[in-house]
Amino acid sequence: MHEVSSPCVVSLTWRLEDAQSELIDTLDEATEFFLGGDDLLPKVEAALLNQPVGAEVAVALEPADAFGEYDSGLVCFEPKGLFPDNVEPGMRFEGLPPNAQTPDMPAEAIYTVTEVYPDHVVLDGNHPLAGIGLRMYVQLRAVRAATADELAQRSVGGPLLQVLEGAPPEAPLH
């Protein structure tokens, strides 16, 4: 297989920048992703289709194409007493703490602590890249047929960009 067709497994490297050309992330070691499933953003998949091994593509991603618009409704204030004593900005929590006082917040969201005050903590349930226009420069290193397991799972592993709970801001996004 020398050209990308869906479904298949692609091996990629990339550089991810914001709209002001500030570097956000790099993937220097070729990593496999399932194309035609859940591993890659749809606009990245579309740019890779029919490309030969060795191709380099530039993909402009508006917020709607990537991690969505910033939603101020996903920001809430919770009593500081619901958190560990060492709570600090940048910490991430899966869901809100037990006895949270903000109604109707998504239980499955990862919340980032953005501010800590004497009596309350500000939490943001948006993805860290929500509302940001992105530029992705992708290099296609290899293409292969997907295995039966990969076809069934529609993935070779994790999603394209994933921010791990508790990861420091400078941690890689993949």
Foldseek 3Di string as FASTA:
>chain_A
DFADDPFWKFWKWKWKAFPVRHTQATRPGTDIKTQNFFAEQPQVSVQRHGDGAFDKDKTKAALVSPQEAFDPVQKDKFFPVQDPPPDDFQAKDQADGPPGDDPPHDNRFIWTFHDDDPTITITGRGDPCHRTIMMMIMHTHDIGGDDPVCVVVVIPDDHHFDDDGGDGSNDHRD
